[in-house]
N, C-alpha and C. Protein backbone atom coordinates (compact mmCIF):
# COMPACT_ATOMS: atom_id res chain seq x y z
N MET A 1 36.99 188.68 165.47
CA MET A 1 37.31 187.31 165.86
C MET A 1 37.36 187.23 167.39
N GLN A 2 36.87 186.13 167.92
CA GLN A 2 36.81 185.93 169.37
C GLN A 2 38.20 185.82 169.98
N ALA A 3 38.30 186.22 171.25
CA ALA A 3 39.54 186.06 172.00
C ALA A 3 39.88 184.58 172.15
N VAL A 4 41.13 184.26 171.96
CA VAL A 4 41.60 182.88 172.14
C VAL A 4 42.84 182.93 173.02
N ASN A 5 42.63 183.35 174.25
CA ASN A 5 43.73 183.58 175.18
C ASN A 5 44.54 182.34 175.48
N ASN A 6 43.89 181.19 175.59
CA ASN A 6 44.63 179.97 175.92
C ASN A 6 45.46 179.48 174.74
N LEU A 7 44.98 179.68 173.52
CA LEU A 7 45.82 179.39 172.35
C LEU A 7 47.03 180.31 172.33
N ASP A 8 46.79 181.57 172.68
CA ASP A 8 47.88 182.54 172.73
C ASP A 8 48.95 182.10 173.73
N GLU A 9 48.52 181.54 174.87
CA GLU A 9 49.47 181.04 175.86
C GLU A 9 50.32 179.90 175.31
N LEU A 10 49.69 178.98 174.56
CA LEU A 10 50.44 177.89 173.95
C LEU A 10 51.53 178.44 173.04
N ARG A 11 51.17 179.43 172.26
CA ARG A 11 52.13 180.05 171.33
C ARG A 11 53.25 180.74 172.10
N GLU A 12 52.90 181.49 173.12
CA GLU A 12 53.89 182.23 173.90
C GLU A 12 54.88 181.30 174.60
N HIS A 13 54.42 180.10 174.98
CA HIS A 13 55.28 179.14 175.67
C HIS A 13 55.95 178.15 174.71
N GLY A 14 55.84 178.39 173.41
CA GLY A 14 56.51 177.55 172.42
C GLY A 14 55.88 176.19 172.20
N LYS A 15 54.66 176.00 172.69
CA LYS A 15 53.98 174.71 172.52
C LYS A 15 53.16 174.67 171.23
N MET A 16 53.10 175.80 170.54
CA MET A 16 52.38 175.91 169.28
C MET A 16 53.16 176.90 168.43
N THR A 17 53.77 176.43 167.35
CA THR A 17 54.58 177.31 166.52
C THR A 17 54.08 177.29 165.08
N TRP A 18 54.18 178.43 164.43
CA TRP A 18 53.70 178.57 163.06
C TRP A 18 54.75 178.01 162.09
N SER A 19 54.30 177.23 161.13
CA SER A 19 55.16 176.72 160.07
C SER A 19 54.69 177.31 158.76
N GLU A 20 55.43 178.26 158.24
CA GLU A 20 55.05 178.91 156.99
C GLU A 20 55.05 177.89 155.85
N GLY A 21 56.02 176.96 155.87
CA GLY A 21 56.10 175.95 154.83
C GLY A 21 54.87 175.06 154.78
N GLU A 22 54.32 174.73 155.95
CA GLU A 22 53.13 173.88 156.01
C GLU A 22 51.85 174.70 156.10
N ARG A 23 52.02 176.01 156.31
CA ARG A 23 50.90 176.94 156.46
C ARG A 23 49.92 176.49 157.54
N GLY A 24 50.52 176.00 158.64
CA GLY A 24 49.73 175.53 159.77
C GLY A 24 50.56 175.59 161.04
N TRP A 25 49.96 175.21 162.14
CA TRP A 25 50.61 175.23 163.44
C TRP A 25 51.20 173.86 163.75
N ILE A 26 52.38 173.83 164.32
CA ILE A 26 52.99 172.60 164.80
C ILE A 26 52.70 172.55 166.29
N ALA A 27 51.90 171.57 166.69
CA ALA A 27 51.45 171.48 168.08
C ALA A 27 50.90 170.09 168.35
N ALA A 28 50.73 169.78 169.63
CA ALA A 28 50.06 168.55 170.03
C ALA A 28 48.56 168.82 169.94
N PRO A 29 47.83 168.06 169.12
CA PRO A 29 46.40 168.34 168.95
C PRO A 29 45.63 168.39 170.28
N ALA A 30 45.94 167.51 171.22
CA ALA A 30 45.22 167.50 172.50
C ALA A 30 45.39 168.84 173.23
N GLU A 31 46.57 169.44 173.15
CA GLU A 31 46.79 170.74 173.81
C GLU A 31 45.98 171.83 173.13
N VAL A 32 45.90 171.80 171.81
CA VAL A 32 45.12 172.80 171.07
C VAL A 32 43.64 172.66 171.42
N LEU A 33 43.13 171.43 171.42
CA LEU A 33 41.72 171.20 171.73
C LEU A 33 41.39 171.59 173.17
N ASN A 34 42.29 171.30 174.11
CA ASN A 34 42.10 171.72 175.50
C ASN A 34 42.07 173.24 175.62
N ALA A 35 42.96 173.91 174.89
CA ALA A 35 43.00 175.38 174.93
C ALA A 35 41.70 175.96 174.37
N LEU A 36 41.21 175.41 173.26
CA LEU A 36 39.95 175.89 172.69
C LEU A 36 38.80 175.67 173.68
N SER A 37 38.80 174.55 174.35
CA SER A 37 37.77 174.28 175.36
C SER A 37 37.83 175.29 176.50
N ARG A 38 39.04 175.59 176.96
CA ARG A 38 39.21 176.59 178.04
C ARG A 38 38.82 177.99 177.56
N ASP A 39 38.87 178.23 176.25
CA ASP A 39 38.46 179.52 175.69
C ASP A 39 36.95 179.59 175.46
N GLY A 40 36.23 178.57 175.91
CA GLY A 40 34.77 178.62 175.87
C GLY A 40 34.11 177.81 174.77
N PHE A 41 34.86 177.08 173.98
CA PHE A 41 34.28 176.29 172.91
C PHE A 41 33.93 174.89 173.41
N GLU A 42 32.67 174.51 173.23
CA GLU A 42 32.22 173.18 173.62
C GLU A 42 32.22 172.29 172.39
N ALA A 43 32.87 171.14 172.49
CA ALA A 43 32.99 170.23 171.36
C ALA A 43 31.62 169.75 170.90
N CYS A 44 31.39 169.81 169.61
CA CYS A 44 30.16 169.27 169.04
C CYS A 44 30.47 168.21 167.98
N LYS A 45 31.75 168.12 167.60
CA LYS A 45 32.15 167.09 166.64
C LYS A 45 33.63 166.78 166.85
N ARG A 46 33.94 165.48 166.85
CA ARG A 46 35.33 165.06 166.92
C ARG A 46 35.46 163.71 166.22
N GLU A 47 36.34 163.66 165.25
CA GLU A 47 36.56 162.42 164.51
C GLU A 47 38.05 162.24 164.26
N LEU A 48 38.49 161.00 164.38
CA LEU A 48 39.86 160.65 164.04
C LEU A 48 39.82 159.88 162.73
N THR A 49 40.79 160.13 161.87
CA THR A 49 40.86 159.39 160.62
C THR A 49 41.89 158.28 160.77
N THR A 50 41.56 157.11 160.27
CA THR A 50 42.48 155.99 160.34
C THR A 50 42.72 155.50 158.92
N SER A 51 43.89 155.81 158.41
CA SER A 51 44.21 155.36 157.06
C SER A 51 45.63 154.81 156.98
N ARG A 52 46.23 154.66 158.14
CA ARG A 52 47.61 154.15 158.16
C ARG A 52 47.60 152.64 158.40
N ARG A 53 48.61 151.99 157.92
CA ARG A 53 48.70 150.53 158.04
C ARG A 53 48.78 150.07 159.49
N ASP A 54 49.40 150.88 160.35
CA ASP A 54 49.53 150.46 161.75
C ASP A 54 48.27 150.74 162.57
N GLY A 55 47.23 151.30 161.94
CA GLY A 55 45.98 151.55 162.63
C GLY A 55 45.94 152.83 163.44
N ARG A 56 47.07 153.52 163.54
CA ARG A 56 47.10 154.79 164.27
C ARG A 56 46.42 155.87 163.42
N PRO A 57 45.75 156.81 164.06
CA PRO A 57 45.08 157.87 163.31
C PRO A 57 46.07 158.69 162.49
N ALA A 58 45.69 158.98 161.26
CA ALA A 58 46.50 159.85 160.41
C ALA A 58 46.24 161.32 160.72
N GLY A 59 45.13 161.58 161.38
CA GLY A 59 44.77 162.95 161.72
C GLY A 59 43.40 162.99 162.34
N GLY A 60 42.81 164.18 162.34
CA GLY A 60 41.48 164.30 162.92
C GLY A 60 40.84 165.65 162.65
N VAL A 61 39.59 165.74 163.06
CA VAL A 61 38.78 166.94 162.88
C VAL A 61 38.05 167.20 164.19
N TRP A 62 37.98 168.47 164.58
CA TRP A 62 37.25 168.85 165.81
C TRP A 62 36.51 170.15 165.52
N GLN A 63 35.29 170.26 166.01
CA GLN A 63 34.54 171.51 165.92
C GLN A 63 33.92 171.80 167.27
N GLY A 64 33.92 173.07 167.63
CA GLY A 64 33.31 173.49 168.88
C GLY A 64 32.56 174.80 168.70
N VAL A 65 31.58 175.02 169.56
CA VAL A 65 30.76 176.23 169.51
C VAL A 65 30.83 176.91 170.87
N ASN A 66 30.96 178.21 170.86
CA ASN A 66 30.89 178.99 172.08
C ASN A 66 29.43 179.39 172.26
N ALA A 67 28.78 178.86 173.28
CA ALA A 67 27.35 179.11 173.50
C ALA A 67 27.05 180.57 173.81
N CYS A 68 28.01 181.30 174.36
CA CYS A 68 27.80 182.71 174.70
C CYS A 68 27.80 183.60 173.46
N THR A 69 28.65 183.28 172.50
CA THR A 69 28.84 184.16 171.35
C THR A 69 28.33 183.57 170.03
N GLY A 70 28.12 182.25 169.99
CA GLY A 70 27.73 181.61 168.74
C GLY A 70 28.90 181.39 167.80
N THR A 71 30.10 181.70 168.26
CA THR A 71 31.31 181.54 167.46
C THR A 71 31.66 180.06 167.32
N VAL A 72 32.10 179.68 166.13
CA VAL A 72 32.48 178.30 165.85
C VAL A 72 33.99 178.22 165.64
N ALA A 73 34.60 177.25 166.29
CA ALA A 73 36.03 177.00 166.11
C ALA A 73 36.20 175.62 165.48
N SER A 74 37.15 175.50 164.57
CA SER A 74 37.45 174.23 163.93
C SER A 74 38.94 173.99 163.97
N ALA A 75 39.30 172.74 164.18
CA ALA A 75 40.71 172.34 164.12
C ALA A 75 40.79 171.06 163.30
N ILE A 76 41.69 171.05 162.35
CA ILE A 76 41.97 169.87 161.54
C ILE A 76 43.46 169.61 161.71
N TRP A 77 43.83 168.35 161.96
CA TRP A 77 45.25 168.07 162.13
C TRP A 77 45.67 166.84 161.34
N VAL A 78 46.93 166.87 160.98
CA VAL A 78 47.57 165.76 160.28
C VAL A 78 48.74 165.33 161.14
N ASN A 79 48.69 164.09 161.62
CA ASN A 79 49.77 163.59 162.47
C ASN A 79 51.04 163.41 161.67
N ARG A 80 52.15 163.67 162.34
CA ARG A 80 53.46 163.53 161.73
C ARG A 80 54.08 162.24 162.28
N PRO A 81 54.38 161.27 161.40
CA PRO A 81 54.92 159.99 161.87
C PRO A 81 56.13 160.16 162.79
N GLY A 82 56.08 159.49 163.94
CA GLY A 82 57.18 159.52 164.89
C GLY A 82 57.23 160.75 165.77
N TRP A 83 56.26 161.65 165.67
CA TRP A 83 56.24 162.88 166.46
C TRP A 83 54.98 162.90 167.32
N HIS A 84 55.05 163.53 168.48
CA HIS A 84 53.84 163.71 169.29
C HIS A 84 53.07 164.95 168.85
N GLN A 85 53.70 165.76 167.99
CA GLN A 85 53.04 166.94 167.47
C GLN A 85 52.52 166.68 166.06
N ALA A 86 51.59 167.50 165.64
CA ALA A 86 50.98 167.38 164.32
C ALA A 86 50.96 168.76 163.67
N THR A 87 50.60 168.80 162.41
CA THR A 87 50.30 170.07 161.77
C THR A 87 48.82 170.32 162.01
N VAL A 88 48.51 171.46 162.63
CA VAL A 88 47.14 171.77 163.02
C VAL A 88 46.69 173.03 162.29
N PHE A 89 45.52 172.96 161.67
CA PHE A 89 44.92 174.10 160.98
C PHE A 89 43.72 174.53 161.81
N ILE A 90 43.70 175.82 162.21
CA ILE A 90 42.67 176.32 163.11
C ILE A 90 41.88 177.43 162.42
N ASP A 91 40.55 177.35 162.48
CA ASP A 91 39.66 178.39 161.97
C ASP A 91 38.74 178.84 163.09
N ILE A 92 38.50 180.14 163.15
CA ILE A 92 37.51 180.69 164.06
C ILE A 92 36.49 181.41 163.19
N ASP A 93 35.25 180.96 163.21
CA ASP A 93 34.20 181.50 162.35
C ASP A 93 34.63 181.57 160.88
N GLY A 94 35.30 180.54 160.41
CA GLY A 94 35.70 180.45 159.01
C GLY A 94 36.92 181.26 158.65
N GLU A 95 37.53 181.93 159.62
CA GLU A 95 38.74 182.72 159.37
C GLU A 95 39.95 181.96 159.90
N SER A 96 40.88 181.69 159.01
CA SER A 96 42.07 180.92 159.37
C SER A 96 42.91 181.67 160.39
N LEU A 97 43.31 180.96 161.44
CA LEU A 97 44.16 181.53 162.48
C LEU A 97 45.60 181.29 162.08
N ARG A 98 46.28 182.37 161.68
CA ARG A 98 47.67 182.28 161.24
C ARG A 98 48.53 183.12 162.19
N ASP A 99 49.83 182.94 162.10
CA ASP A 99 50.75 183.64 163.00
C ASP A 99 50.65 185.16 162.86
N ASP A 100 50.47 185.66 161.64
CA ASP A 100 50.41 187.11 161.46
C ASP A 100 49.05 187.69 161.82
N ARG A 101 48.09 186.82 162.11
CA ARG A 101 46.76 187.28 162.52
C ARG A 101 46.34 186.57 163.78
N PHE A 102 47.23 186.48 164.74
CA PHE A 102 46.91 185.77 165.98
C PHE A 102 46.11 186.68 166.88
N VAL A 103 45.04 186.14 167.44
CA VAL A 103 44.17 186.91 168.31
C VAL A 103 44.49 186.58 169.75
N GLY A 104 44.77 187.58 170.55
CA GLY A 104 44.99 187.40 171.97
C GLY A 104 44.34 188.55 172.70
N LEU A 105 43.04 188.64 172.60
CA LEU A 105 42.30 189.76 173.18
C LEU A 105 42.01 189.50 174.64
N ASP A 106 41.98 190.56 175.42
CA ASP A 106 41.63 190.43 176.83
C ASP A 106 40.13 190.52 177.00
N GLY A 107 39.65 189.99 178.09
CA GLY A 107 38.26 190.19 178.43
C GLY A 107 37.44 188.92 178.39
N ASN A 108 36.20 189.08 178.77
CA ASN A 108 35.25 187.99 178.86
C ASN A 108 34.50 187.87 177.55
N PRO A 109 34.59 186.73 176.85
CA PRO A 109 33.91 186.60 175.58
C PRO A 109 32.39 186.57 175.69
N CYS A 110 31.85 186.42 176.91
CA CYS A 110 30.40 186.38 177.07
C CYS A 110 29.79 187.75 177.33
N ARG A 111 30.60 188.76 177.57
CA ARG A 111 30.01 190.07 177.83
C ARG A 111 29.67 190.76 176.53
N ASP A 112 28.76 191.73 176.62
CA ASP A 112 28.38 192.51 175.45
C ASP A 112 29.57 193.30 174.95
N GLU A 113 29.67 193.46 173.62
CA GLU A 113 30.81 194.16 173.05
C GLU A 113 30.91 195.60 173.53
N GLY A 114 29.78 196.23 173.81
CA GLY A 114 29.81 197.63 174.21
C GLY A 114 30.03 197.86 175.69
N SER A 115 30.02 196.79 176.49
CA SER A 115 30.15 196.97 177.94
C SER A 115 31.60 197.11 178.36
N GLN A 116 31.80 197.68 179.53
CA GLN A 116 33.12 197.86 180.10
C GLN A 116 33.38 196.77 181.12
N GLY A 117 34.69 196.32 181.24
CA GLY A 117 35.13 195.44 182.29
C GLY A 117 34.64 194.10 182.18
C-alpha cells in the first residue's frame, strides 16, 4: 500500500479518529481530501449526494489517482447532522484503510521500490 503521510498526520493530531462502531474514520471530509491530494493523488471524480430535506449534502464520493504509481485512492463519506465532521471510509487500491492497518511509510512514492533515498 502506498505511503499516506499526510493522512497519518491528521490521525496523529487527532483530526481523524477511528470509530470501531461505525467502522470508519471520524474526520472533516475536506481535510481528508486535502491530505490525499498532498500525498500525490489527483482528483478524477468528486460527487456530493443531496438527499436531505434542507438541501445540504448527505455525503459524497471522491476518487484520485497517483500518476507516479498508478495507485487509486477512494473516499466515501456520510455527513453527520449538526457536525462539521463525517464518517469517512478510505480505500487505497481497494484495500480499506483502518486504524489497525494504518500506513505511514517514509519516502517518495514516485521513486522505484528498489532504489535508496
